Amino acid sequence: MIRAIMTAAVLVAAPISAHAQEDASENAAAEAPAWRAPMERLAHMTGAWSVVHESAEETGWVSHDAQPSSVEYMLDGAGLREVSLFPFGEDVATVETIFGYDAMREVYRIFVLDSQFGVPDVYEGNFDESGALVATNIRPDTPWVTPSGANLHFRLTWSTQEDAHLFTVDMTADRGESWTPLYRSTYTRAE
């Protein structure tokens, strides 16, 4: 008799337990932070890279020696951090870029700081129709102020694929009415 009751209890409990596990899995997915999926869109950017930077000059694009870059998630995926070397004239500076996603405003926010100038810059943007991540520092209004007092804002564009991507920087002196190419960087996976 006790064996029959135990068997019945197991047969009744098994489907309930399986259903509870399904509910728990669904709840876990539903309770994932709102930033998780947008940040996962940047996963292809992670890893070690070799980067060839080019600067726009009056005579055309000038290529610089390849520099290393590494990109990894931080804070359990809430942020993505790139540490790279970037040529500034004769010098090479360390540049740190942190990507995050503001789920309340549905916008990527990007923080950039370099060892050459030490001026923090904040960008906001999103993916465009071509699949490129495009961000500017116009809305955050963190322009580079020239010695003459002019405000230069920048547009950063990441056109990415699995094993290569193109990063471009354009500048504007008229808050985005017109843009002029400044830098472009070609990333390839480091061997």
N, C-alpha and C. Protein backbone atom coordinates (compact mmCIF):
# COMPACT_ATOMS: atom_id res chain seq x y z
N MET A 1 0.81 -1.19 0.00
CA MET A 1 0.00 0.00 0.00
C MET A 1 0.86 1.26 0.00
N ILE A 2 1.86 1.28 0.88
CA ILE A 2 2.74 2.44 0.94
C ILE A 2 3.48 2.60 -0.39
N ARG A 3 3.89 1.48 -0.98
CA ARG A 3 4.57 1.52 -2.27
C ARG A 3 3.67 2.14 -3.34
N ALA A 4 2.40 1.79 -3.34
CA ALA A 4 1.45 2.33 -4.32
C ALA A 4 1.28 3.83 -4.12
N ILE A 5 1.21 4.27 -2.87
CA ILE A 5 1.07 5.71 -2.59
C ILE A 5 2.32 6.46 -3.05
N MET A 6 3.50 5.89 -2.75
CA MET A 6 4.76 6.53 -3.18
C MET A 6 4.85 6.61 -4.70
N THR A 7 4.47 5.53 -5.37
CA THR A 7 4.50 5.53 -6.84
C THR A 7 3.56 6.59 -7.39
N ALA A 8 2.37 6.66 -6.84
CA ALA A 8 1.40 7.67 -7.28
C ALA A 8 1.93 9.08 -7.04
N ALA A 9 2.57 9.29 -5.89
CA ALA A 9 3.12 10.61 -5.57
C ALA A 9 4.21 11.00 -6.56
N VAL A 10 5.08 10.04 -6.91
CA VAL A 10 6.14 10.31 -7.88
C VAL A 10 5.54 10.62 -9.25
N LEU A 11 4.55 9.85 -9.66
CA LEU A 11 3.93 10.07 -10.97
C LEU A 11 3.23 11.43 -11.04
N VAL A 12 2.66 11.86 -9.94
CA VAL A 12 2.01 13.17 -9.91
C VAL A 12 3.04 14.29 -9.82
N ALA A 13 4.10 14.09 -9.03
CA ALA A 13 5.10 15.13 -8.80
C ALA A 13 5.99 15.36 -10.01
N ALA A 14 6.29 14.32 -10.77
CA ALA A 14 7.22 14.46 -11.90
C ALA A 14 6.74 15.50 -12.91
N PRO A 15 5.49 15.44 -13.39
CA PRO A 15 5.05 16.48 -14.33
C PRO A 15 5.01 17.86 -13.69
N ILE A 16 4.66 17.93 -12.42
CA ILE A 16 4.63 19.23 -11.73
C ILE A 16 6.03 19.80 -11.65
N SER A 17 7.01 18.94 -11.31
CA SER A 17 8.40 19.38 -11.23
C SER A 17 8.91 19.84 -12.59
N ALA A 18 8.61 19.07 -13.63
CA ALA A 18 9.04 19.45 -14.98
C ALA A 18 8.41 20.78 -15.38
N HIS A 19 7.12 20.95 -15.06
CA HIS A 19 6.44 22.20 -15.38
C HIS A 19 7.05 23.36 -14.60
N ALA A 20 7.41 23.14 -13.34
CA ALA A 20 8.04 24.19 -12.53
C ALA A 20 9.39 24.58 -13.11
N GLN A 21 10.15 23.60 -13.61
CA GLN A 21 11.44 23.90 -14.22
C GLN A 21 11.25 24.72 -15.49
N GLU A 22 10.25 24.38 -16.30
CA GLU A 22 9.97 25.16 -17.51
C GLU A 22 9.61 26.59 -17.14
N ASP A 23 8.74 26.74 -16.12
CA ASP A 23 8.35 28.07 -15.68
C ASP A 23 9.57 28.86 -15.19
N ALA A 24 10.46 28.19 -14.45
CA ALA A 24 11.66 28.85 -13.94
C ALA A 24 12.54 29.32 -15.09
N SER A 25 12.69 28.48 -16.13
CA SER A 25 13.51 28.86 -17.29
C SER A 25 12.90 30.05 -18.01
N GLU A 26 11.57 30.01 -18.19
CA GLU A 26 10.89 31.13 -18.86
C GLU A 26 11.02 32.40 -18.03
N ASN A 27 10.86 32.29 -16.71
CA ASN A 27 10.98 33.45 -15.84
C ASN A 27 12.39 34.01 -15.87
N ALA A 28 13.40 33.12 -15.90
CA ALA A 28 14.79 33.59 -15.94
C ALA A 28 15.03 34.37 -17.22
N ALA A 29 14.51 33.87 -18.35
CA ALA A 29 14.68 34.58 -19.62
C ALA A 29 13.93 35.91 -19.59
N ALA A 30 12.71 35.87 -19.02
CA ALA A 30 11.91 37.10 -18.95
C ALA A 30 12.54 38.11 -18.01
N GLU A 31 13.28 37.64 -17.00
CA GLU A 31 13.87 38.53 -16.02
C GLU A 31 15.30 38.95 -16.38
N ALA A 32 15.79 38.56 -17.55
CA ALA A 32 17.14 38.98 -17.95
C ALA A 32 17.15 40.50 -18.01
N PRO A 33 18.27 41.11 -17.63
CA PRO A 33 18.34 42.57 -17.68
C PRO A 33 18.03 43.08 -19.09
N ALA A 34 17.38 44.21 -19.16
CA ALA A 34 16.97 44.77 -20.45
C ALA A 34 18.17 45.11 -21.34
N TRP A 35 19.34 45.30 -20.76
CA TRP A 35 20.53 45.62 -21.54
C TRP A 35 21.18 44.38 -22.14
N ARG A 36 20.82 43.18 -21.65
CA ARG A 36 21.52 41.96 -22.05
C ARG A 36 21.51 41.74 -23.57
N ALA A 37 20.34 41.71 -24.19
CA ALA A 37 20.26 41.43 -25.64
C ALA A 37 20.97 42.50 -26.47
N PRO A 38 20.77 43.80 -26.19
CA PRO A 38 21.52 44.80 -26.97
C PRO A 38 23.03 44.66 -26.82
N MET A 39 23.50 44.34 -25.63
CA MET A 39 24.95 44.18 -25.44
C MET A 39 25.46 42.93 -26.15
N GLU A 40 24.64 41.90 -26.23
CA GLU A 40 25.05 40.68 -26.94
C GLU A 40 25.21 40.94 -28.43
N ARG A 41 24.57 41.99 -28.96
CA ARG A 41 24.76 42.35 -30.38
C ARG A 41 26.20 42.76 -30.67
N LEU A 42 26.96 43.10 -29.62
CA LEU A 42 28.34 43.54 -29.79
C LEU A 42 29.34 42.41 -29.62
N ALA A 43 28.88 41.18 -29.42
CA ALA A 43 29.77 40.05 -29.12
C ALA A 43 30.83 39.84 -30.19
N HIS A 44 30.51 40.08 -31.44
CA HIS A 44 31.49 39.88 -32.52
C HIS A 44 32.68 40.83 -32.42
N MET A 45 32.57 41.87 -31.59
CA MET A 45 33.67 42.82 -31.43
C MET A 45 34.72 42.32 -30.44
N THR A 46 34.39 41.29 -29.65
CA THR A 46 35.31 40.84 -28.62
C THR A 46 36.49 40.10 -29.22
N GLY A 47 37.61 40.14 -28.49
CA GLY A 47 38.80 39.40 -28.91
C GLY A 47 39.99 40.32 -29.10
N ALA A 48 41.04 39.72 -29.66
CA ALA A 48 42.28 40.45 -29.95
C ALA A 48 42.28 40.84 -31.42
N TRP A 49 42.70 42.07 -31.69
CA TRP A 49 42.65 42.63 -33.04
C TRP A 49 43.99 43.26 -33.40
N SER A 50 44.25 43.29 -34.70
CA SER A 50 45.33 44.10 -35.26
C SER A 50 44.64 45.21 -36.04
N VAL A 51 45.02 46.45 -35.76
CA VAL A 51 44.28 47.59 -36.31
C VAL A 51 45.21 48.49 -37.12
N VAL A 52 44.83 48.73 -38.37
CA VAL A 52 45.55 49.69 -39.21
C VAL A 52 44.72 50.97 -39.22
N HIS A 53 45.31 52.03 -38.67
CA HIS A 53 44.64 53.33 -38.60
C HIS A 53 45.09 54.18 -39.79
N GLU A 54 44.15 54.94 -40.32
CA GLU A 54 44.46 55.89 -41.39
C GLU A 54 43.87 57.25 -41.00
N SER A 55 44.63 58.29 -41.28
CA SER A 55 44.14 59.64 -41.00
C SER A 55 43.91 60.38 -42.32
N ALA A 56 42.86 61.19 -42.34
CA ALA A 56 42.53 61.95 -43.54
C ALA A 56 43.42 63.19 -43.59
N GLU A 57 44.18 63.31 -44.64
CA GLU A 57 45.05 64.46 -44.84
C GLU A 57 44.61 65.15 -46.14
N GLU A 58 45.12 66.34 -46.38
CA GLU A 58 44.76 67.05 -47.61
C GLU A 58 45.13 66.26 -48.86
N THR A 59 46.18 65.44 -48.76
CA THR A 59 46.64 64.66 -49.91
C THR A 59 45.96 63.29 -50.02
N GLY A 60 45.10 62.96 -49.06
CA GLY A 60 44.42 61.66 -49.06
C GLY A 60 44.62 60.95 -47.73
N TRP A 61 44.33 59.66 -47.73
CA TRP A 61 44.46 58.86 -46.51
C TRP A 61 45.91 58.49 -46.26
N VAL A 62 46.38 58.70 -45.04
CA VAL A 62 47.74 58.33 -44.64
C VAL A 62 47.64 57.16 -43.68
N SER A 63 48.31 56.07 -44.03
CA SER A 63 48.25 54.85 -43.23
C SER A 63 49.34 54.85 -42.17
N HIS A 64 49.03 54.30 -41.00
CA HIS A 64 49.97 54.19 -39.89
C HIS A 64 50.22 52.71 -39.60
N ASP A 65 51.29 52.43 -38.87
CA ASP A 65 51.61 51.05 -38.52
C ASP A 65 50.45 50.41 -37.76
N ALA A 66 50.29 49.10 -37.96
CA ALA A 66 49.25 48.36 -37.25
C ALA A 66 49.50 48.41 -35.75
N GLN A 67 48.43 48.52 -35.00
CA GLN A 67 48.49 48.59 -33.54
C GLN A 67 47.56 47.53 -32.96
N PRO A 68 47.86 47.06 -31.74
CA PRO A 68 46.98 46.06 -31.12
C PRO A 68 45.75 46.68 -30.46
N SER A 69 44.72 45.87 -30.35
CA SER A 69 43.50 46.26 -29.65
C SER A 69 42.92 44.99 -29.03
N SER A 70 42.38 45.13 -27.82
CA SER A 70 41.67 44.00 -27.22
C SER A 70 40.32 44.48 -26.72
N VAL A 71 39.30 43.64 -26.92
CA VAL A 71 37.94 43.98 -26.56
C VAL A 71 37.36 42.83 -25.75
N GLU A 72 36.81 43.16 -24.58
CA GLU A 72 36.22 42.11 -23.75
C GLU A 72 35.03 42.67 -22.97
N TYR A 73 34.13 41.74 -22.62
CA TYR A 73 33.00 42.13 -21.77
C TYR A 73 33.48 42.41 -20.36
N MET A 74 32.73 43.24 -19.66
CA MET A 74 33.01 43.56 -18.26
C MET A 74 31.68 43.58 -17.51
N LEU A 75 31.74 43.48 -16.20
CA LEU A 75 30.56 43.57 -15.35
C LEU A 75 29.45 42.61 -15.78
N ASP A 76 29.86 41.36 -15.99
CA ASP A 76 28.91 40.30 -16.36
C ASP A 76 28.14 40.63 -17.64
N GLY A 77 28.81 41.30 -18.59
CA GLY A 77 28.20 41.60 -19.88
C GLY A 77 27.48 42.93 -19.96
N ALA A 78 27.43 43.67 -18.86
CA ALA A 78 26.74 44.97 -18.88
C ALA A 78 27.54 46.01 -19.67
N GLY A 79 28.83 45.78 -19.82
CA GLY A 79 29.67 46.70 -20.56
C GLY A 79 30.64 45.95 -21.45
N LEU A 80 31.17 46.65 -22.41
CA LEU A 80 32.19 46.11 -23.30
C LEU A 80 33.33 47.12 -23.27
N ARG A 81 34.55 46.64 -23.08
CA ARG A 81 35.70 47.54 -22.93
C ARG A 81 36.74 47.23 -24.00
N GLU A 82 37.14 48.26 -24.72
CA GLU A 82 38.23 48.15 -25.69
C GLU A 82 39.42 48.95 -25.18
N VAL A 83 40.59 48.34 -25.24
CA VAL A 83 41.85 49.03 -24.95
C VAL A 83 42.67 48.91 -26.23
N SER A 84 43.05 50.05 -26.78
CA SER A 84 43.78 50.04 -28.05
C SER A 84 44.86 51.11 -28.05
N LEU A 85 45.76 50.97 -29.00
CA LEU A 85 46.78 51.99 -29.24
C LEU A 85 46.37 52.73 -30.50
N PHE A 86 46.53 54.06 -30.45
CA PHE A 86 46.06 54.89 -31.56
C PHE A 86 47.09 55.97 -31.85
N PRO A 87 47.46 56.14 -33.13
CA PRO A 87 48.46 57.16 -33.46
C PRO A 87 47.87 58.57 -33.43
N PHE A 88 48.57 59.46 -32.73
CA PHE A 88 48.26 60.89 -32.74
C PHE A 88 49.53 61.59 -33.20
N GLY A 89 49.63 61.89 -34.48
CA GLY A 89 50.85 62.49 -35.02
C GLY A 89 52.01 61.53 -34.86
N GLU A 90 53.07 61.98 -34.22
CA GLU A 90 54.26 61.14 -33.99
C GLU A 90 54.10 60.24 -32.77
N ASP A 91 53.10 60.51 -31.94
CA ASP A 91 52.89 59.75 -30.71
C ASP A 91 51.85 58.65 -30.92
N VAL A 92 51.92 57.67 -30.02
CA VAL A 92 50.90 56.62 -29.98
C VAL A 92 50.29 56.67 -28.58
N ALA A 93 48.98 56.82 -28.53
CA ALA A 93 48.28 56.94 -27.25
C ALA A 93 47.48 55.68 -26.97
N THR A 94 47.25 55.43 -25.69
CA THR A 94 46.33 54.37 -25.29
C THR A 94 44.94 54.98 -25.25
N VAL A 95 43.99 54.27 -25.86
CA VAL A 95 42.60 54.73 -25.88
C VAL A 95 41.75 53.64 -25.25
N GLU A 96 40.92 54.04 -24.29
CA GLU A 96 39.97 53.10 -23.69
C GLU A 96 38.57 53.54 -24.07
N THR A 97 37.79 52.56 -24.55
CA THR A 97 36.43 52.80 -24.96
C THR A 97 35.53 51.84 -24.21
N ILE A 98 34.49 52.35 -23.58
CA ILE A 98 33.54 51.51 -22.86
C ILE A 98 32.16 51.69 -23.49
N PHE A 99 31.56 50.56 -23.87
CA PHE A 99 30.23 50.54 -24.47
C PHE A 99 29.23 50.06 -23.42
N GLY A 100 28.08 50.69 -23.37
CA GLY A 100 26.99 50.24 -22.51
C GLY A 100 25.68 50.51 -23.23
N TYR A 101 24.61 49.96 -22.69
CA TYR A 101 23.30 50.18 -23.30
C TYR A 101 22.35 50.72 -22.23
N ASP A 102 21.76 51.87 -22.48
CA ASP A 102 20.79 52.48 -21.59
C ASP A 102 19.41 51.99 -22.02
N ALA A 103 18.90 50.97 -21.32
CA ALA A 103 17.62 50.36 -21.69
C ALA A 103 16.45 51.31 -21.45
N MET A 104 16.59 52.24 -20.53
CA MET A 104 15.50 53.19 -20.26
C MET A 104 15.31 54.14 -21.45
N ARG A 105 16.38 54.49 -22.11
CA ARG A 105 16.31 55.43 -23.23
C ARG A 105 16.53 54.73 -24.58
N GLU A 106 16.80 53.42 -24.53
CA GLU A 106 17.01 52.59 -25.73
C GLU A 106 18.10 53.18 -26.62
N VAL A 107 19.26 53.42 -26.01
CA VAL A 107 20.38 54.00 -26.74
C VAL A 107 21.69 53.41 -26.20
N TYR A 108 22.63 53.19 -27.10
CA TYR A 108 23.97 52.80 -26.68
C TYR A 108 24.68 54.07 -26.22
N ARG A 109 25.43 53.95 -25.15
CA ARG A 109 26.23 55.07 -24.68
C ARG A 109 27.68 54.59 -24.66
N ILE A 110 28.56 55.41 -25.19
CA ILE A 110 29.97 55.04 -25.36
C ILE A 110 30.83 56.12 -24.73
N PHE A 111 31.77 55.68 -23.90
CA PHE A 111 32.66 56.58 -23.17
C PHE A 111 34.07 56.34 -23.70
N VAL A 112 34.75 57.41 -24.11
CA VAL A 112 36.10 57.30 -24.70
C VAL A 112 37.05 58.21 -23.93
N LEU A 113 38.22 57.66 -23.61
CA LEU A 113 39.25 58.43 -22.92
C LEU A 113 40.60 57.99 -23.46
N ASP A 114 41.49 58.95 -23.73
CA ASP A 114 42.82 58.59 -24.24
C ASP A 114 43.91 59.21 -23.38
N SER A 115 45.12 58.63 -23.50
CA SER A 115 46.26 59.09 -22.70
C SER A 115 46.93 60.33 -23.30
N GLN A 116 46.59 60.69 -24.52
CA GLN A 116 47.20 61.86 -25.17
C GLN A 116 46.62 63.17 -24.65
N PHE A 117 45.29 63.27 -24.68
CA PHE A 117 44.63 64.51 -24.30
C PHE A 117 43.93 64.41 -22.94
N GLY A 118 43.53 63.20 -22.55
CA GLY A 118 42.88 63.00 -21.27
C GLY A 118 41.52 63.66 -21.13
N VAL A 119 40.85 63.90 -22.24
CA VAL A 119 39.54 64.54 -22.21
C VAL A 119 38.47 63.47 -22.42
N PRO A 120 37.67 63.17 -21.38
CA PRO A 120 36.63 62.15 -21.56
C PRO A 120 35.57 62.63 -22.54
N ASP A 121 35.09 61.71 -23.35
CA ASP A 121 34.08 62.05 -24.34
C ASP A 121 32.95 61.03 -24.25
N VAL A 122 31.71 61.49 -24.40
CA VAL A 122 30.54 60.63 -24.31
C VAL A 122 29.77 60.70 -25.63
N TYR A 123 29.42 59.52 -26.13
CA TYR A 123 28.69 59.38 -27.39
C TYR A 123 27.40 58.61 -27.15
N GLU A 124 26.40 58.88 -27.98
CA GLU A 124 25.16 58.12 -27.94
C GLU A 124 24.77 57.75 -29.35
N GLY A 125 24.18 56.56 -29.50
CA GLY A 125 23.74 56.16 -30.82
C GLY A 125 23.07 54.80 -30.80
N ASN A 126 22.90 54.26 -32.00
CA ASN A 126 22.23 52.99 -32.16
C ASN A 126 22.63 52.39 -33.50
N PHE A 127 22.11 51.21 -33.78
CA PHE A 127 22.37 50.57 -35.07
C PHE A 127 21.52 51.24 -36.14
N ASP A 128 22.12 51.48 -37.30
CA ASP A 128 21.37 52.06 -38.40
C ASP A 128 20.81 50.94 -39.28
N GLU A 129 20.16 51.31 -40.38
CA GLU A 129 19.51 50.32 -41.25
C GLU A 129 20.51 49.38 -41.93
N SER A 130 21.78 49.78 -42.04
CA SER A 130 22.79 48.92 -42.66
C SER A 130 23.40 47.94 -41.65
N GLY A 131 23.06 48.11 -40.38
CA GLY A 131 23.61 47.23 -39.34
C GLY A 131 24.85 47.80 -38.67
N ALA A 132 25.21 49.03 -39.00
CA ALA A 132 26.37 49.67 -38.37
C ALA A 132 25.93 50.38 -37.08
N LEU A 133 26.79 50.34 -36.08
CA LEU A 133 26.55 51.10 -34.85
C LEU A 133 27.09 52.50 -35.08
N VAL A 134 26.22 53.50 -34.96
CA VAL A 134 26.59 54.90 -35.23
C VAL A 134 26.28 55.72 -33.98
N ALA A 135 27.27 56.48 -33.51
CA ALA A 135 27.09 57.29 -32.31
C ALA A 135 27.77 58.64 -32.50
N THR A 136 27.17 59.67 -31.92
CA THR A 136 27.78 61.01 -31.96
C THR A 136 27.86 61.58 -30.54
N ASN A 137 28.65 62.62 -30.41
CA ASN A 137 28.70 63.33 -29.12
C ASN A 137 27.93 64.65 -29.20
N ILE A 138 26.96 64.72 -30.12
CA ILE A 138 26.18 65.95 -30.27
C ILE A 138 25.16 66.10 -29.14
N ARG A 139 24.32 65.09 -28.92
CA ARG A 139 23.32 65.21 -27.85
C ARG A 139 23.96 65.31 -26.47
N PRO A 140 24.99 64.49 -26.15
CA PRO A 140 25.66 64.69 -24.86
C PRO A 140 26.42 66.02 -24.79
N ASP A 141 26.67 66.60 -25.97
CA ASP A 141 27.35 67.90 -26.11
C ASP A 141 28.70 67.92 -25.41
N THR A 142 29.55 66.98 -25.84
CA THR A 142 30.93 66.95 -25.34
C THR A 142 31.89 67.19 -26.50
N PRO A 143 31.87 68.39 -27.09
CA PRO A 143 32.72 68.67 -28.24
C PRO A 143 34.18 68.86 -27.85
N TRP A 144 35.04 68.77 -28.84
CA TRP A 144 36.43 69.17 -28.70
C TRP A 144 36.45 70.66 -28.98
N VAL A 145 36.97 71.44 -28.07
CA VAL A 145 37.03 72.89 -28.26
C VAL A 145 38.42 73.24 -28.78
N THR A 146 38.45 73.84 -29.96
CA THR A 146 39.73 74.21 -30.59
C THR A 146 40.30 75.45 -29.90
N PRO A 147 41.59 75.74 -30.12
CA PRO A 147 42.18 76.95 -29.55
C PRO A 147 41.44 78.23 -29.95
N SER A 148 40.81 78.22 -31.12
CA SER A 148 40.06 79.41 -31.56
C SER A 148 38.66 79.47 -30.96
N GLY A 149 38.27 78.42 -30.21
CA GLY A 149 36.97 78.41 -29.56
C GLY A 149 35.88 77.68 -30.34
N ALA A 150 36.23 77.10 -31.49
CA ALA A 150 35.24 76.35 -32.26
C ALA A 150 34.95 75.01 -31.59
N ASN A 151 33.71 74.57 -31.70
CA ASN A 151 33.31 73.27 -31.15
C ASN A 151 33.28 72.23 -32.26
N LEU A 152 34.05 71.18 -32.09
CA LEU A 152 34.04 70.06 -33.04
C LEU A 152 33.38 68.86 -32.38
N HIS A 153 32.33 68.36 -33.03
CA HIS A 153 31.67 67.13 -32.58
C HIS A 153 32.10 66.01 -33.52
N PHE A 154 31.91 64.77 -33.06
CA PHE A 154 32.37 63.62 -33.83
C PHE A 154 31.28 62.57 -33.97
N ARG A 155 31.37 61.83 -35.08
CA ARG A 155 30.48 60.69 -35.33
C ARG A 155 31.38 59.46 -35.43
N LEU A 156 31.07 58.44 -34.63
CA LEU A 156 31.80 57.19 -34.64
C LEU A 156 30.91 56.12 -35.27
N THR A 157 31.48 55.35 -36.20
CA THR A 157 30.71 54.31 -36.88
C THR A 157 31.49 53.01 -36.86
N TRP A 158 30.84 51.94 -36.38
CA TRP A 158 31.43 50.61 -36.38
C TRP A 158 30.64 49.75 -37.37
N SER A 159 31.26 49.44 -38.50
CA SER A 159 30.67 48.53 -39.49
C SER A 159 31.39 47.20 -39.30
N THR A 160 30.69 46.24 -38.70
CA THR A 160 31.40 45.05 -38.23
C THR A 160 30.95 43.77 -38.88
N GLN A 161 31.89 42.82 -38.90
CA GLN A 161 31.66 41.46 -39.32
C GLN A 161 32.35 40.57 -38.30
N GLU A 162 32.29 39.27 -38.48
CA GLU A 162 32.88 38.35 -37.50
C GLU A 162 34.39 38.53 -37.35
N ASP A 163 35.13 38.56 -38.45
CA ASP A 163 36.59 38.57 -38.36
C ASP A 163 37.24 39.87 -38.83
N ALA A 164 36.44 40.89 -39.09
CA ALA A 164 36.99 42.18 -39.50
C ALA A 164 35.91 43.24 -39.29
N HIS A 165 36.36 44.44 -39.04
CA HIS A 165 35.40 45.53 -39.06
C HIS A 165 36.11 46.85 -39.34
N LEU A 166 35.30 47.80 -39.77
CA LEU A 166 35.79 49.13 -40.10
C LEU A 166 35.21 50.10 -39.09
N PHE A 167 36.07 50.91 -38.52
CA PHE A 167 35.68 51.94 -37.57
C PHE A 167 36.04 53.28 -38.20
N THR A 168 35.08 54.19 -38.29
CA THR A 168 35.36 55.50 -38.89
C THR A 168 35.00 56.61 -37.90
N VAL A 169 35.75 57.69 -38.01
CA VAL A 169 35.49 58.89 -37.22
C VAL A 169 35.34 60.05 -38.20
N ASP A 170 34.19 60.72 -38.11
CA ASP A 170 33.95 61.91 -38.91
C ASP A 170 33.76 63.07 -37.94
N MET A 171 34.07 64.29 -38.40
CA MET A 171 33.90 65.45 -37.53
C MET A 171 32.98 66.47 -38.18
N THR A 172 32.39 67.32 -37.33
CA THR A 172 31.52 68.37 -37.80
C THR A 172 31.76 69.62 -36.96
N ALA A 173 31.72 70.76 -37.62
CA ALA A 173 31.83 72.04 -36.92
C ALA A 173 30.47 72.74 -36.87
N ASP A 174 29.43 72.06 -37.42
CA ASP A 174 28.10 72.67 -37.47
C ASP A 174 27.02 71.75 -36.88
N ARG A 175 27.39 71.03 -35.84
CA ARG A 175 26.47 70.15 -35.10
C ARG A 175 25.76 69.14 -35.99
N GLY A 176 26.49 68.60 -36.97
CA GLY A 176 25.97 67.51 -37.78
C GLY A 176 25.31 67.89 -39.08
N GLU A 177 25.34 69.18 -39.43
CA GLU A 177 24.80 69.59 -40.73
C GLU A 177 25.65 69.01 -41.86
N SER A 178 26.97 68.95 -41.63
CA SER A 178 27.88 68.36 -42.61
C SER A 178 28.98 67.63 -41.84
N TRP A 179 29.53 66.60 -42.48
CA TRP A 179 30.56 65.77 -41.83
C TRP A 179 31.79 65.68 -42.72
N THR A 180 32.96 65.65 -42.08
CA THR A 180 34.23 65.51 -42.78
C THR A 180 34.96 64.29 -42.21
N PRO A 181 35.44 63.39 -43.09
CA PRO A 181 36.19 62.23 -42.60
C PRO A 181 37.45 62.67 -41.85
N LEU A 182 37.74 61.97 -40.73
CA LEU A 182 38.91 62.28 -39.93
C LEU A 182 39.83 61.06 -39.81
N TYR A 183 39.29 59.94 -39.37
CA TYR A 183 40.06 58.69 -39.23
C TYR A 183 39.23 57.53 -39.73
N ARG A 184 39.95 56.48 -40.12
CA ARG A 184 39.31 55.20 -40.34
C ARG A 184 40.30 54.12 -39.91
N SER A 185 39.76 53.10 -39.31
CA SER A 185 40.58 52.03 -38.76
C SER A 185 40.02 50.69 -39.21
N THR A 186 40.88 49.85 -39.74
CA THR A 186 40.48 48.52 -40.20
C THR A 186 40.98 47.49 -39.21
N TYR A 187 40.04 46.77 -38.61
CA TYR A 187 40.32 45.74 -37.61
C TYR A 187 40.32 44.36 -38.27
N THR A 188 41.37 43.59 -38.02
CA THR A 188 41.39 42.18 -38.41
C THR A 188 41.78 41.37 -37.19
N ARG A 189 41.26 40.16 -37.10
CA ARG A 189 41.56 39.30 -35.95
C ARG A 189 43.06 39.08 -35.84
N ALA A 190 43.58 39.22 -34.64
CA ALA A 190 45.01 39.00 -34.40
C ALA A 190 45.28 37.51 -34.45
N GLU A 191 46.41 37.16 -34.98
CA GLU A 191 46.80 35.73 -35.08
C GLU A 191 47.36 35.25 -33.77
